Amino acid sequence: METHNLRFKQVNKAAGELMSERKHVFSPISHTHPIAEETSLPLGWDYWEQYDRRFIEMCDEMYILMLDGWEDSIGVQAEIKIAKELGKKITYIDKLQNDFESVKKQPKSSFL
């Protein structure tokens, strides 16, 4: 499986786990990527920046799922920068280290 599709599935699974705990989650890759592909919208950060910024503004905190390539992702790094500018709490989740269980217990709306 191609790396991009694997990350897409992993993020969707993590978002679903949080949603099953009654958390309000917005995940850009989960919510916008399929729409972009079906409608021929651009996939790049330049197009989605304002959209993601608005959702970051509404969230209580941001969770970063530390999957392969997250440190090199233009979008993820830009979203982190926006969250810091807005004073949002950022939680880094290494799912392989089971950090995810503690996040599921927090009662917040989040941007994943």
N, C-alpha and C. Protein backbone atom coordinates (compact mmCIF):
# COMPACT_ATOMS: atom_id res chain seq x y z
N MET A 1 0.85 -1.19 0.00
CA MET A 1 0.00 0.00 0.00
C MET A 1 0.89 1.24 0.00
N GLU A 2 0.52 2.19 -0.80
CA GLU A 2 1.26 3.43 -0.91
C GLU A 2 1.24 4.17 0.44
N THR A 3 2.35 4.84 0.77
CA THR A 3 2.50 5.50 2.07
C THR A 3 1.38 6.49 2.35
N HIS A 4 1.01 7.29 1.36
CA HIS A 4 -0.04 8.29 1.55
C HIS A 4 -1.36 7.63 1.95
N ASN A 5 -1.73 6.57 1.26
CA ASN A 5 -2.98 5.87 1.58
C ASN A 5 -2.92 5.22 2.96
N LEU A 6 -1.76 4.70 3.34
CA LEU A 6 -1.61 4.10 4.66
C LEU A 6 -1.80 5.16 5.74
N ARG A 7 -1.18 6.32 5.58
CA ARG A 7 -1.35 7.40 6.56
C ARG A 7 -2.81 7.86 6.62
N PHE A 8 -3.45 7.96 5.46
CA PHE A 8 -4.86 8.33 5.39
C PHE A 8 -5.70 7.37 6.24
N LYS A 9 -5.48 6.09 6.08
CA LYS A 9 -6.23 5.09 6.84
C LYS A 9 -5.91 5.17 8.33
N GLN A 10 -4.64 5.39 8.68
CA GLN A 10 -4.25 5.47 10.10
C GLN A 10 -4.88 6.68 10.78
N VAL A 11 -4.89 7.81 10.09
CA VAL A 11 -5.49 9.01 10.66
C VAL A 11 -7.00 8.83 10.79
N ASN A 12 -7.64 8.25 9.78
CA ASN A 12 -9.08 7.99 9.86
C ASN A 12 -9.40 7.10 11.06
N LYS A 13 -8.59 6.09 11.27
CA LYS A 13 -8.81 5.17 12.40
C LYS A 13 -8.66 5.91 13.73
N ALA A 14 -7.63 6.74 13.84
CA ALA A 14 -7.42 7.51 15.08
C ALA A 14 -8.58 8.48 15.31
N ALA A 15 -9.02 9.16 14.26
CA ALA A 15 -10.15 10.08 14.39
C ALA A 15 -11.41 9.32 14.82
N GLY A 16 -11.62 8.17 14.22
CA GLY A 16 -12.77 7.34 14.59
C GLY A 16 -12.73 6.89 16.04
N GLU A 17 -11.54 6.56 16.52
CA GLU A 17 -11.41 6.16 17.93
C GLU A 17 -11.78 7.31 18.85
N LEU A 18 -11.33 8.51 18.51
CA LEU A 18 -11.67 9.68 19.33
C LEU A 18 -13.17 9.97 19.25
N MET A 19 -13.74 9.85 18.06
CA MET A 19 -15.17 10.09 17.90
C MET A 19 -15.99 9.06 18.69
N SER A 20 -15.49 7.84 18.77
CA SER A 20 -16.22 6.81 19.52
C SER A 20 -16.23 7.12 21.01
N GLU A 21 -15.32 7.98 21.44
CA GLU A 21 -15.28 8.45 22.83
C GLU A 21 -16.07 9.75 23.01
N ARG A 22 -16.87 10.09 22.00
CA ARG A 22 -17.71 11.30 22.01
C ARG A 22 -16.89 12.58 21.94
N LYS A 23 -15.74 12.53 21.31
CA LYS A 23 -14.92 13.73 21.11
C LYS A 23 -15.32 14.36 19.78
N HIS A 24 -15.28 15.67 19.71
CA HIS A 24 -15.54 16.39 18.47
C HIS A 24 -14.21 16.56 17.76
N VAL A 25 -14.07 15.91 16.64
CA VAL A 25 -12.78 15.85 15.93
C VAL A 25 -12.92 16.40 14.53
N PHE A 26 -11.95 17.22 14.14
CA PHE A 26 -11.80 17.61 12.74
C PHE A 26 -10.43 17.13 12.30
N SER A 27 -10.40 16.36 11.26
CA SER A 27 -9.14 15.86 10.70
C SER A 27 -9.08 16.30 9.24
N PRO A 28 -8.16 17.21 8.90
CA PRO A 28 -8.12 17.73 7.53
C PRO A 28 -8.01 16.64 6.47
N ILE A 29 -7.14 15.68 6.69
CA ILE A 29 -6.97 14.64 5.68
C ILE A 29 -8.23 13.79 5.55
N SER A 30 -8.90 13.55 6.67
CA SER A 30 -10.12 12.73 6.65
C SER A 30 -11.30 13.48 6.05
N HIS A 31 -11.42 14.76 6.38
CA HIS A 31 -12.59 15.52 5.99
C HIS A 31 -12.47 16.21 4.63
N THR A 32 -11.28 16.58 4.23
CA THR A 32 -11.17 17.36 3.00
C THR A 32 -10.55 16.62 1.82
N HIS A 33 -9.66 15.70 2.10
CA HIS A 33 -8.97 15.00 1.00
C HIS A 33 -9.94 14.24 0.09
N PRO A 34 -10.87 13.46 0.64
CA PRO A 34 -11.81 12.76 -0.24
C PRO A 34 -12.66 13.72 -1.07
N ILE A 35 -13.04 14.84 -0.48
CA ILE A 35 -13.82 15.84 -1.21
C ILE A 35 -12.99 16.41 -2.36
N ALA A 36 -11.74 16.73 -2.06
CA ALA A 36 -10.86 17.28 -3.10
C ALA A 36 -10.68 16.30 -4.25
N GLU A 37 -10.51 15.03 -3.92
CA GLU A 37 -10.31 14.04 -4.97
C GLU A 37 -11.57 13.85 -5.83
N GLU A 38 -12.73 13.89 -5.21
CA GLU A 38 -13.98 13.68 -5.95
C GLU A 38 -14.39 14.88 -6.79
N THR A 39 -13.90 16.05 -6.44
CA THR A 39 -14.33 17.27 -7.11
C THR A 39 -13.21 17.96 -7.88
N SER A 40 -12.06 17.37 -7.90
CA SER A 40 -10.90 17.95 -8.59
C SER A 40 -10.42 19.24 -7.96
N LEU A 41 -10.71 19.44 -6.65
CA LEU A 41 -10.14 20.58 -5.94
C LEU A 41 -8.66 20.34 -5.74
N PRO A 42 -7.89 21.39 -5.57
CA PRO A 42 -6.45 21.21 -5.33
C PRO A 42 -6.21 20.45 -4.02
N LEU A 43 -5.10 19.74 -3.96
CA LEU A 43 -4.73 18.99 -2.76
C LEU A 43 -3.71 19.75 -1.91
N GLY A 44 -3.11 20.79 -2.45
CA GLY A 44 -2.00 21.48 -1.78
C GLY A 44 -2.42 22.42 -0.66
N TRP A 45 -1.45 22.70 0.20
CA TRP A 45 -1.64 23.55 1.36
C TRP A 45 -2.12 24.94 0.96
N ASP A 46 -1.63 25.50 -0.11
CA ASP A 46 -2.02 26.86 -0.51
C ASP A 46 -3.54 27.01 -0.60
N TYR A 47 -4.19 25.99 -1.09
CA TYR A 47 -5.64 26.04 -1.23
C TYR A 47 -6.35 25.87 0.12
N TRP A 48 -5.85 24.97 0.95
CA TRP A 48 -6.56 24.57 2.17
C TRP A 48 -6.18 25.35 3.42
N GLU A 49 -5.20 26.23 3.33
CA GLU A 49 -4.72 26.94 4.53
C GLU A 49 -5.83 27.69 5.26
N GLN A 50 -6.60 28.50 4.57
CA GLN A 50 -7.64 29.28 5.25
C GLN A 50 -8.71 28.38 5.86
N TYR A 51 -9.02 27.31 5.19
CA TYR A 51 -10.01 26.36 5.68
C TYR A 51 -9.52 25.72 6.98
N ASP A 52 -8.27 25.22 6.96
CA ASP A 52 -7.72 24.58 8.16
C ASP A 52 -7.57 25.57 9.29
N ARG A 53 -7.15 26.79 8.97
CA ARG A 53 -6.98 27.82 10.00
C ARG A 53 -8.29 28.04 10.76
N ARG A 54 -9.40 28.09 10.04
CA ARG A 54 -10.69 28.32 10.70
C ARG A 54 -11.03 27.20 11.66
N PHE A 55 -10.75 25.98 11.28
CA PHE A 55 -11.04 24.85 12.18
C PHE A 55 -10.08 24.84 13.37
N ILE A 56 -8.84 25.21 13.16
CA ILE A 56 -7.89 25.29 14.29
C ILE A 56 -8.37 26.34 15.28
N GLU A 57 -8.88 27.45 14.77
CA GLU A 57 -9.41 28.50 15.65
C GLU A 57 -10.53 27.97 16.54
N MET A 58 -11.35 27.08 16.03
CA MET A 58 -12.49 26.56 16.77
C MET A 58 -12.13 25.44 17.75
N CYS A 59 -10.99 24.82 17.57
CA CYS A 59 -10.62 23.67 18.40
C CYS A 59 -10.03 24.08 19.74
N ASP A 60 -10.18 23.19 20.71
CA ASP A 60 -9.57 23.40 22.02
C ASP A 60 -8.08 23.09 21.97
N GLU A 61 -7.73 22.07 21.22
CA GLU A 61 -6.33 21.70 21.11
C GLU A 61 -6.08 20.93 19.84
N MET A 62 -4.81 20.76 19.52
CA MET A 62 -4.41 20.04 18.32
C MET A 62 -3.65 18.79 18.73
N TYR A 63 -4.00 17.68 18.09
CA TYR A 63 -3.27 16.44 18.28
C TYR A 63 -2.47 16.18 17.01
N ILE A 64 -1.21 15.86 17.18
CA ILE A 64 -0.36 15.49 16.05
C ILE A 64 -0.08 14.01 16.16
N LEU A 65 -0.61 13.26 15.21
CA LEU A 65 -0.34 11.83 15.15
C LEU A 65 1.00 11.64 14.44
N MET A 66 1.98 11.19 15.16
CA MET A 66 3.36 11.13 14.67
C MET A 66 3.58 9.90 13.78
N LEU A 67 3.03 9.98 12.58
CA LEU A 67 3.21 8.92 11.59
C LEU A 67 4.42 9.23 10.73
N ASP A 68 4.91 8.23 10.02
CA ASP A 68 6.05 8.46 9.13
C ASP A 68 5.78 9.66 8.24
N GLY A 69 6.71 10.61 8.23
CA GLY A 69 6.62 11.77 7.35
C GLY A 69 5.97 13.00 7.95
N TRP A 70 5.45 12.92 9.18
CA TRP A 70 4.76 14.07 9.76
C TRP A 70 5.69 15.28 9.90
N GLU A 71 6.95 15.04 10.18
CA GLU A 71 7.90 16.14 10.35
C GLU A 71 8.22 16.84 9.04
N ASP A 72 8.02 16.15 7.92
CA ASP A 72 8.32 16.71 6.60
C ASP A 72 7.08 17.24 5.88
N SER A 73 5.92 17.05 6.47
CA SER A 73 4.68 17.48 5.84
C SER A 73 4.53 19.00 5.91
N ILE A 74 4.41 19.63 4.75
CA ILE A 74 4.22 21.07 4.70
C ILE A 74 2.94 21.46 5.44
N GLY A 75 1.86 20.72 5.21
CA GLY A 75 0.59 21.03 5.85
C GLY A 75 0.63 20.86 7.35
N VAL A 76 1.17 19.75 7.82
CA VAL A 76 1.23 19.51 9.27
C VAL A 76 2.08 20.58 9.95
N GLN A 77 3.22 20.89 9.38
CA GLN A 77 4.09 21.90 9.99
C GLN A 77 3.42 23.27 10.00
N ALA A 78 2.70 23.60 8.94
CA ALA A 78 2.00 24.88 8.89
C ALA A 78 0.86 24.91 9.91
N GLU A 79 0.16 23.80 10.07
CA GLU A 79 -0.93 23.72 11.05
C GLU A 79 -0.38 23.87 12.48
N ILE A 80 0.77 23.28 12.74
CA ILE A 80 1.41 23.43 14.05
C ILE A 80 1.74 24.89 14.30
N LYS A 81 2.28 25.54 13.29
CA LYS A 81 2.62 26.96 13.41
C LYS A 81 1.39 27.80 13.72
N ILE A 82 0.29 27.54 13.02
CA ILE A 82 -0.96 28.27 13.27
C ILE A 82 -1.44 28.02 14.69
N ALA A 83 -1.44 26.77 15.12
CA ALA A 83 -1.89 26.44 16.48
C ALA A 83 -1.05 27.17 17.53
N LYS A 84 0.25 27.23 17.31
CA LYS A 84 1.13 27.95 18.25
C LYS A 84 0.80 29.44 18.26
N GLU A 85 0.59 30.01 17.06
CA GLU A 85 0.22 31.43 16.97
C GLU A 85 -1.06 31.73 17.73
N LEU A 86 -1.98 30.79 17.71
CA LEU A 86 -3.28 30.95 18.37
C LEU A 86 -3.25 30.53 19.84
N GLY A 87 -2.11 30.06 20.31
CA GLY A 87 -1.97 29.66 21.70
C GLY A 87 -2.69 28.36 22.04
N LYS A 88 -2.88 27.50 21.04
CA LYS A 88 -3.55 26.22 21.27
C LYS A 88 -2.57 25.20 21.86
N LYS A 89 -3.08 24.37 22.73
CA LYS A 89 -2.29 23.27 23.26
C LYS A 89 -2.06 22.27 22.13
N ILE A 90 -0.85 21.76 22.03
CA ILE A 90 -0.52 20.76 21.01
C ILE A 90 -0.05 19.51 21.73
N THR A 91 -0.69 18.38 21.42
CA THR A 91 -0.31 17.10 21.99
C THR A 91 0.21 16.22 20.86
N TYR A 92 1.41 15.72 21.05
CA TYR A 92 2.03 14.83 20.06
C TYR A 92 1.76 13.40 20.47
N ILE A 93 1.21 12.63 19.56
CA ILE A 93 0.80 11.26 19.85
C ILE A 93 1.65 10.29 19.06
N ASP A 94 2.37 9.46 19.79
CA ASP A 94 3.10 8.36 19.16
C ASP A 94 2.25 7.12 19.39
N LYS A 95 1.41 6.80 18.43
CA LYS A 95 0.45 5.71 18.61
C LYS A 95 1.17 4.39 18.91
N LEU A 96 2.36 4.23 18.37
CA LEU A 96 3.11 3.01 18.63
C LEU A 96 3.52 2.89 20.09
N GLN A 97 3.63 4.04 20.77
CA GLN A 97 4.02 4.04 22.18
C GLN A 97 2.80 4.06 23.10
N ASN A 98 1.61 3.92 22.52
CA ASN A 98 0.36 3.89 23.27
C ASN A 98 0.03 5.22 23.94
N ASP A 99 0.54 6.33 23.40
CA ASP A 99 0.19 7.65 23.90
C ASP A 99 -1.28 7.96 23.65
N PHE A 100 -1.88 7.27 22.72
CA PHE A 100 -3.23 7.55 22.28
C PHE A 100 -4.26 7.30 23.38
N GLU A 101 -4.03 6.35 24.25
CA GLU A 101 -5.01 6.04 25.30
C GLU A 101 -5.24 7.22 26.24
N SER A 102 -4.19 7.97 26.58
CA SER A 102 -4.38 9.11 27.47
C SER A 102 -5.13 10.24 26.78
N VAL A 103 -4.96 10.39 25.49
CA VAL A 103 -5.66 11.42 24.74
C VAL A 103 -7.16 11.13 24.70
N LYS A 104 -7.52 9.87 24.56
CA LYS A 104 -8.93 9.50 24.46
C LYS A 104 -9.71 9.88 25.73
N LYS A 105 -9.03 10.05 26.84
CA LYS A 105 -9.69 10.36 28.10
C LYS A 105 -9.93 11.86 28.30
N GLN A 106 -9.38 12.70 27.43
CA GLN A 106 -9.51 14.15 27.58
C GLN A 106 -10.78 14.65 26.92
N PRO A 107 -11.61 15.44 27.64
CA PRO A 107 -12.88 15.91 27.10
C PRO A 107 -12.75 17.21 26.31
N LYS A 108 -12.31 17.14 25.07
CA LYS A 108 -12.09 18.35 24.29
C LYS A 108 -12.50 18.15 22.85
N SER A 109 -12.61 19.27 22.14
CA SER A 109 -12.74 19.18 20.70
C SER A 109 -11.33 19.32 20.14
N SER A 110 -11.06 18.63 19.07
CA SER A 110 -9.67 18.58 18.63
C SER A 110 -9.54 18.61 17.13
N PHE A 111 -8.36 18.98 16.72
CA PHE A 111 -7.95 19.04 15.33
C PHE A 111 -6.86 17.99 15.20
N LEU A 112 -7.10 16.95 14.42
CA LEU A 112 -6.16 15.82 14.33
C LEU A 112 -5.53 15.79 12.95
